[in-house]
C-alpha atoms as a PDB file:
ATOM      1  CA  MET A   1      24.663  99.715 155.656  1.00  0.00           C
ATOM      2  CA  ASP A   2      22.655 102.941 155.367  1.00  0.00           C
ATOM      3  CA  GLN A   3      19.026 102.905 156.401  1.00  0.00           C
ATOM      4  CA  CYS A   4      16.340 105.313 155.207  1.00  0.00           C
ATOM      5  CA  ASP A   5      13.894 107.001 157.593  1.00  0.00           C
ATOM      6  CA  CYS A   6      11.163 104.692 156.195  1.00  0.00           C
ATOM      7  CA  GLY A   7      13.117 101.735 157.582  1.00  0.00           C
ATOM      8  CA  ALA A   8      14.405 100.470 154.225  1.00  0.00           C
ATOM      9  CA  GLU A   9      18.016  99.589 153.586  1.00  0.00           C
ATOM     10  CA  ALA A  10      19.709 101.535 150.831  1.00  0.00           C
ATOM     11  CA  GLY A  11      19.335  99.969 147.394  1.00  0.00           C
ATOM     12  CA  PRO A  12      21.980  99.839 144.660  1.00  0.00           C
ATOM     13  CA  LEU A  13      21.339 103.516 143.845  1.00  0.00           C
ATOM     14  CA  GLY A  14      21.253 104.689 147.467  1.00  0.00           C
ATOM     15  CA  LEU A  15      18.462 105.726 149.818  1.00  0.00           C
ATOM     16  CA  CYS A  16      14.838 106.254 148.770  1.00  0.00           C
ATOM     17  CA  ASP A  17      15.235 109.971 148.094  1.00  0.00           C
ATOM     18  CA  TYR A  18      17.680 109.242 145.287  1.00  0.00           C
ATOM     19  CA  TYR A  19      15.187 106.834 143.703  1.00  0.00           C
ATOM     20  CA  TYR A  20      12.342 109.319 144.134  1.00  0.00           C
ATOM     21  CA  TYR A  21      14.145 112.207 142.444  1.00  0.00           C
ATOM     22  CA  ALA A  22      15.470 109.931 139.681  1.00  0.00           C
ATOM     23  CA  ILE A  23      11.901 108.729 139.010  1.00  0.00           C
ATOM     24  CA  LEU A  24      10.618 112.319 138.898  1.00  0.00           C
ATOM     25  CA  ALA A  25      13.340 113.236 136.414  1.00  0.00           C
ATOM     26  CA  GLU A  26      12.785 110.193 134.177  1.00  0.00           C
ATOM     27  CA  GLU A  27       9.004 110.537 134.072  1.00  0.00           C
ATOM     28  CA  GLN A  28       9.317 114.054 132.624  1.00  0.00           C
ATOM     29  CA  GLY A  29      10.404 112.532 129.305  1.00  0.00           C
ATOM     30  CA  ASP A  30       8.017 109.571 129.346  1.00  0.00           C
ATOM     31  CA  PRO A  31       4.255 110.304 129.264  1.00  0.00           C
ATOM     32  CA  GLU A  32       3.328 106.671 129.973  1.00  0.00           C
ATOM     33  CA  MET A  33       5.571 106.581 133.026  1.00  0.00           C
ATOM     34  CA  TYR A  34       4.252 110.004 134.111  1.00  0.00           C
ATOM     35  CA  ARG A  35       0.752 108.513 134.460  1.00  0.00           C
ATOM     36  CA  TRP A  36       2.037 107.086 137.754  1.00  0.00           C
ATOM     37  CA  HIS A  37       3.233 110.470 139.049  1.00  0.00           C
ATOM     38  CA  ALA A  38       0.467 110.940 141.648  1.00  0.00           C
ATOM     39  CA  PRO A  39       0.863 107.474 143.229  1.00  0.00           C
ATOM     40  CA  VAL A  40       4.656 107.936 143.247  1.00  0.00           C
ATOM     41  CA  VAL A  41       4.407 111.265 145.084  1.00  0.00           C
ATOM     42  CA  CYS A  42       1.712 110.077 147.491  1.00  0.00           C
ATOM     43  CA  ALA A  43       3.506 106.838 148.379  1.00  0.00           C
ATOM     44  CA  TYR A  44       6.873 108.523 148.781  1.00  0.00           C
ATOM     45  CA  LEU A  45       5.519 111.241 151.071  1.00  0.00           C
ATOM     46  CA  LEU A  46       3.482 108.749 153.115  1.00  0.00           C
ATOM     47  CA  GLN A  47       6.559 106.544 153.514  1.00  0.00           C
ATOM     48  CA  HIS A  48       8.656 109.641 154.339  1.00  0.00           C
ATOM     49  CA  PRO A  49       6.165 112.023 156.005  1.00  0.00           C
ATOM     50  CA  SER A  50       8.895 114.331 157.291  1.00  0.00           C
ATOM     51  CA  ARG A  51       9.577 115.245 153.629  1.00  0.00           C
ATOM     52  CA  GLY A  52       6.027 116.462 152.984  1.00  0.00           C
ATOM     53  CA  HIS A  53       3.387 118.630 154.570  1.00  0.00           C
ATOM     54  CA  ALA A  54       1.248 117.045 157.278  1.00  0.00           C
ATOM     55  CA  LYS A  55      -1.902 118.844 156.112  1.00  0.00           C
ATOM     56  CA  TYR A  56      -1.798 116.963 152.768  1.00  0.00           C
ATOM     57  CA  LEU A  57      -1.056 113.455 154.032  1.00  0.00           C
ATOM     58  CA  ASP A  58      -4.731 112.540 154.570  1.00  0.00           C
ATOM     59  CA  THR A  59      -5.616 113.433 150.971  1.00  0.00           C
ATOM     60  CA  GLN A  60      -2.556 111.560 149.696  1.00  0.00           C
ATOM     61  CA  PHE A  61      -3.552 108.513 151.744  1.00  0.00           C
ATOM     62  CA  ARG A  62      -7.078 108.590 150.310  1.00  0.00           C
ATOM     63  CA  LEU A  63      -5.736 109.032 146.764  1.00  0.00           C
ATOM     64  CA  LEU A  64      -3.651 105.875 147.150  1.00  0.00           C
ATOM     65  CA  GLN A  65      -6.704 103.985 148.390  1.00  0.00           C
ATOM     66  CA  LEU A  66      -8.714 105.223 145.398  1.00  0.00           C
ATOM     67  CA  CYS A  67      -5.941 104.100 143.034  1.00  0.00           C
ATOM     68  CA  LEU A  68      -5.795 100.655 144.627  1.00  0.00           C
ATOM     69  CA  ASP A  69      -9.584 100.325 144.645  1.00  0.00           C
ATOM     70  CA  GLN A  70     -10.451 101.688 141.204  1.00  0.00           C
ATOM     71  CA  GLY A  71      -7.152 101.745 139.292  1.00  0.00           C
ATOM     72  CA  ILE A  72      -4.861 104.321 137.788  1.00  0.00           C
ATOM     73  CA  GLU A  73      -7.475 105.530 135.265  1.00  0.00           C
ATOM     74  CA  ALA A  74      -9.852 106.530 138.074  1.00  0.00           C
ATOM     75  CA  LEU A  75      -7.053 108.359 139.872  1.00  0.00           C
ATOM     76  CA  LEU A  76      -6.176 110.212 136.662  1.00  0.00           C
ATOM     77  CA  ARG A  77      -9.837 111.258 136.231  1.00  0.00           C
ATOM     78  CA  VAL A  78      -9.953 112.630 139.783  1.00  0.00           C
ATOM     79  CA  ALA A  79      -6.656 114.469 139.256  1.00  0.00           C
ATOM     80  CA  SER A  80      -7.907 115.924 135.963  1.00  0.00           C
ATOM     81  CA  HIS A  81     -11.090 117.077 137.702  1.00  0.00           C
ATOM     82  CA  GLN A  82      -9.019 118.874 140.355  1.00  0.00           C
ATOM     83  CA  VAL A  83      -6.859 120.585 137.734  1.00  0.00           C
ATOM     84  CA  ALA A  84      -9.981 121.749 135.872  1.00  0.00           C
ATOM     85  CA  ARG A  85     -11.430 123.151 139.111  1.00  0.00           C
ATOM     86  CA  ASN A  86      -8.217 125.064 139.734  1.00  0.00           C
ATOM     87  CA  ARG A  87      -8.239 126.420 136.175  1.00  0.00           C
ATOM     88  CA  HIS A  88     -11.745 127.748 136.645  1.00  0.00           C
ATOM     89  CA  GLY A  89     -10.799 129.609 139.807  1.00  0.00           C
ATOM     90  CA  VAL A  90     -12.775 127.517 142.284  1.00  0.00           C
ATOM     91  CA  ARG A  91     -11.656 128.823 145.653  1.00  0.00           C
ATOM     92  CA  SER A  92     -13.320 126.213 147.853  1.00  0.00           C
ATOM     93  CA  GLY A  93     -10.216 124.046 147.854  1.00  0.00           C
ATOM     94  CA  TYR A  94      -9.788 120.410 147.002  1.00  0.00           C
ATOM     95  CA  ASP A  95     -12.957 118.527 146.033  1.00  0.00           C
ATOM     96  CA  MET A  96     -12.980 115.721 148.592  1.00  0.00           C
ATOM     97  CA  ALA A  97     -16.202 114.097 147.284  1.00  0.00           C
ATOM     98  CA  PRO A  98     -14.400 111.407 145.230  1.00  0.00           C
ATOM     99  CA  LEU A  99     -12.270 110.548 148.265  1.00  0.00           C
ATOM    100  CA  GLU A 100     -14.986 110.479 150.939  1.00  0.00           C
ATOM    101  CA  PRO A 101     -15.529 106.691 150.690  1.00  0.00           C
ATOM    102  CA  TYR A 102     -11.935 106.072 151.757  1.00  0.00           C
ATOM    103  CA  ALA A 103     -10.549 105.848 155.266  1.00  0.00           C
ATOM    104  CA  PRO A 104      -8.793 108.872 156.730  1.00  0.00           C
ATOM    105  CA  LEU A 105      -5.122 108.717 157.575  1.00  0.00           C
ATOM    106  CA  PRO A 106      -4.670 106.897 160.893  1.00  0.00           C
ATOM    107  CA  GLN A 107      -3.526 109.260 163.637  1.00  0.00           C
ATOM    108  CA  GLU A 108      -1.186 106.819 165.384  1.00  0.00           C
ATOM    109  CA  GLY A 109       1.793 108.194 163.492  1.00  0.00           C
ATOM    110  CA  PRO A 110       3.842 106.847 160.627  1.00  0.00           C
ATOM    111  CA  PRO A 111       4.773 103.187 160.381  1.00  0.00           C
ATOM    112  CA  GLU A 112       8.357 102.200 161.083  1.00  0.00           C
ATOM    113  CA  ARG A 113       8.647  99.854 158.095  1.00  0.00           C
ATOM    114  CA  PHE A 114       6.981  99.097 154.786  1.00  0.00           C
ATOM    115  CA  ARG A 115       6.808  95.774 152.972  1.00  0.00           C
ATOM    116  CA  THR A 116       8.336  97.405 149.888  1.00  0.00           C
ATOM    117  CA  GLY A 117       9.457 100.850 148.889  1.00  0.00           C
ATOM    118  CA  PHE A 118      11.481 102.894 146.462  1.00  0.00           C
ATOM    119  CA  ALA A 119      14.922 101.461 147.232  1.00  0.00           C
ATOM    120  CA  ALA A 120      13.625  98.063 146.079  1.00  0.00           C
ATOM    121  CA  LEU A 121      12.866  99.298 142.546  1.00  0.00           C
ATOM    122  CA  PRO A 122      15.009  97.927 139.741  1.00  0.00           C
ATOM    123  CA  CYS A 123      16.738 100.544 137.625  1.00  0.00           C
ATOM    124  CA  ASP A 124      18.138  98.704 134.622  1.00  0.00           C
ATOM    125  CA  ASP A 125      20.397 100.601 132.235  1.00  0.00           C
ATOM    126  CA  GLY A 126      19.547 103.823 134.079  1.00  0.00           C
ATOM    127  CA  SER A 127      15.778 103.452 133.596  1.00  0.00           C
ATOM    128  CA  PHE A 128      12.947 102.473 135.903  1.00  0.00           C
ATOM    129  CA  VAL A 129      10.840 101.388 132.915  1.00  0.00           C
ATOM    130  CA  ALA A 130      13.497  99.266 131.192  1.00  0.00           C
ATOM    131  CA  ARG A 131      11.417  96.168 132.032  1.00  0.00           C
ATOM    132  CA  GLY A 132       8.333  97.788 130.495  1.00  0.00           C
ATOM    133  CA  HIS A 133       5.637 100.184 131.595  1.00  0.00           C
ATOM    134  CA  GLU A 134       3.355  97.367 132.792  1.00  0.00           C
ATOM    135  CA  ASP A 135       6.074  96.101 135.115  1.00  0.00           C
ATOM    136  CA  TYR A 136       6.641  99.645 136.401  1.00  0.00           C
ATOM    137  CA  GLY A 137       2.890 100.035 137.033  1.00  0.00           C
ATOM    138  CA  ARG A 138       2.792  96.746 138.948  1.00  0.00           C
ATOM    139  CA  ARG A 139       5.726  97.850 141.078  1.00  0.00           C
ATOM    140  CA  MET A 140       4.122 101.236 141.797  1.00  0.00           C
ATOM    141  CA  THR A 141       0.901  99.452 142.732  1.00  0.00           C
ATOM    142  CA  ALA A 142       2.850  97.166 145.095  1.00  0.00           C
ATOM    143  CA  ILE A 143       4.492 100.202 146.735  1.00  0.00           C
ATOM    144  CA  ALA A 144       1.098 101.919 147.052  1.00  0.00           C
ATOM    145  CA  GLN A 145      -0.405  98.765 148.610  1.00  0.00           C
ATOM    146  CA  ALA A 146       2.507  98.373 151.025  1.00  0.00           C
ATOM    147  CA  THR A 147       2.133 102.023 152.025  1.00  0.00           C
ATOM    148  CA  VAL A 148      -1.590 101.782 152.719  1.00  0.00           C
ATOM    149  CA  ASP A 149      -1.192  98.439 154.516  1.00  0.00           C
ATOM    150  CA  ALA A 150       1.521  99.799 156.799  1.00  0.00           C
ATOM    151  CA  TRP A 151      -0.518 102.867 157.731  1.00  0.00           C
ATOM    152  CA  PHE A 152      -3.466 100.598 158.532  1.00  0.00           C
ATOM    153  CA  GLY A 153      -1.136  98.603 160.799  1.00  0.00           C
ATOM    154  CA  ARG A 154      -0.986  95.494 158.650  1.00  0.00           C
ATOM    155  CA  PRO A 155       2.292  93.571 159.014  1.00  0.00           C
ATOM    156  CA  ALA A 156       5.185  94.614 156.805  1.00  0.00           C
ATOM    157  CA  GLY A 157       6.416  91.020 156.522  1.00  0.00           C
END
């Protein structure tokens, strides 16, 4: 059986990258699903750090912690704030103030396994939200929690 670089076995649709790109495609036509875009990207890249850019992983890790601590609405407010800063030509870079309370990315390197990940997501009738948007949000939250826990060295079991 195929195994992903995050340690997960391939799911019914294949390895995690297939799930990730299918989610990105589906969320483009579903605004409620798209609300989870930032946690999806952050969790995927933290579970598959070779697919992203190392200089952004710390911010992505802190964003997941913020989402888990304060919820998706808080994450959306922070993201909206960043977009507004970019629109107004602020050149000082990312505003880290909302993320300062959260732990930096551990430097020990990526975990070998995660309690849950993308290949565990159900995709009924070709949709990740076929069981409802609430269910999808719970599953994204579980993936975010498993990602943060693994980076903090908490057991994947």
